[in-house]
Protein backbone atom coordinates (compact mmCIF):
# COMPACT_ATOMS: atom_id res chain seq x y z
CA MET A 1 139.03 67.68 83.40
CA SER A 2 139.39 70.73 85.62
CA THR A 3 136.47 72.62 87.07
CA PRO A 4 136.39 76.41 87.01
CA SER A 5 137.48 78.02 90.25
CA PRO A 6 134.57 79.49 92.20
CA THR A 7 136.84 82.38 93.13
CA ARG A 8 137.27 83.52 89.54
CA ILE A 9 135.15 86.62 89.18
CA SER A 10 133.93 85.47 85.78
CA GLU A 11 132.60 82.24 87.32
CA ALA A 12 131.32 83.65 90.62
CA LEU A 13 129.43 86.77 89.49
CA SER A 14 126.80 87.21 86.83
CA ALA A 15 127.55 89.31 83.75
CA ASP A 16 125.32 92.07 85.17
CA CYS A 17 127.30 92.19 88.43
CA ARG A 18 130.61 92.22 86.58
CA SER A 19 129.50 95.02 84.26
CA ARG A 20 128.35 97.12 87.22
CA LEU A 21 131.77 96.72 88.82
CA MET A 22 133.53 97.53 85.55
CA GLU A 23 131.61 100.81 85.33
CA LEU A 24 133.51 101.86 88.47
CA ALA A 25 136.89 100.55 87.33
CA HIS A 26 139.72 102.66 86.02
CA GLU A 27 143.35 101.93 85.29
CA VAL A 28 145.92 103.14 87.78
CA ASN A 29 149.71 102.95 87.89
CA PHE A 30 151.95 103.04 90.94
CA GLU A 31 155.66 103.56 91.26
CA GLU A 32 157.56 100.54 92.54
CA GLY A 33 157.56 100.45 96.32
CA THR A 34 154.45 102.61 96.69
CA ARG A 35 152.45 101.69 99.78
CA LEU A 36 148.84 101.11 98.75
CA PHE A 37 147.32 100.56 102.19
CA ARG A 38 148.26 101.40 105.74
CA GLU A 39 147.43 99.19 108.69
CA GLY A 40 144.11 100.24 110.15
CA GLY A 41 143.27 102.29 107.07
CA HIS A 42 140.40 101.78 104.64
CA ALA A 43 140.41 100.89 100.97
CA ASP A 44 138.71 103.39 98.66
CA ALA A 45 135.54 101.40 98.05
CA GLU A 46 132.72 103.76 99.00
CA ARG A 47 131.08 103.53 95.57
CA VAL A 48 131.16 99.72 95.66
CA ARG A 49 129.66 99.68 99.17
CA THR A 50 126.95 102.09 98.00
CA LEU A 51 126.08 99.72 95.13
CA MET A 52 126.01 96.78 97.54
CA ASP A 53 123.64 98.63 99.90
CA ALA A 54 121.35 99.76 97.06
CA ASP A 55 120.98 96.29 95.50
CA THR A 56 120.90 93.46 98.02
CA ALA A 57 121.26 90.72 95.38
CA PHE A 58 124.38 92.41 94.01
CA GLY A 59 125.70 92.99 97.53
CA SER A 60 125.10 89.39 98.52
CA ALA A 61 126.79 88.03 95.39
CA LEU A 62 129.81 90.29 95.78
CA GLY A 63 130.10 89.67 99.52
CA HIS A 64 129.90 85.92 98.99
CA TRP A 65 132.60 86.07 96.31
CA VAL A 66 134.95 88.12 98.51
CA GLY A 67 134.38 85.70 101.39
CA GLN A 68 135.17 82.73 99.15
CA VAL A 69 138.37 84.37 97.91
CA LEU A 70 139.47 85.04 101.50
CA ALA A 71 138.63 81.48 102.60
CA ASP A 72 140.57 80.00 99.68
CA ARG A 73 143.60 82.17 100.40
CA LEU A 74 143.54 81.31 104.11
CA GLN A 75 143.33 77.61 103.28
CA ALA A 76 146.25 77.91 100.86
CA ALA A 77 148.32 79.70 103.53
CA ARG A 78 147.42 76.96 106.04
CA VAL A 79 148.58 74.24 103.64
CA ARG A 80 151.86 76.08 102.98
CA LEU A 81 152.48 76.46 106.72
CA LEU A 82 151.74 72.77 107.30
CA ASP A 83 154.15 71.83 104.53
CA LEU A 84 156.86 73.95 106.14
CA TYR A 85 156.37 73.21 109.83
CA ALA A 86 154.36 70.00 110.27
CA PRO A 87 156.30 67.09 111.82
């Protein structure tokens, strides 16, 4: 039996939090090779940050989820590096 990943947005955030994020979402398309971010630049997330500041419970839940995603990805990268370079 597998347990749901805590980094899945559907498992980590309540339905209310997810619906608030979806209200801001819109579909975008990029040509192949398009650079989405530049080093030192900022992602376009002002509306999300405004929501997080206005509702501390929402902000805490979203911040915790993002932190968990980053921690999981860093751990996965560490394991891959150990597999490649460990004696």
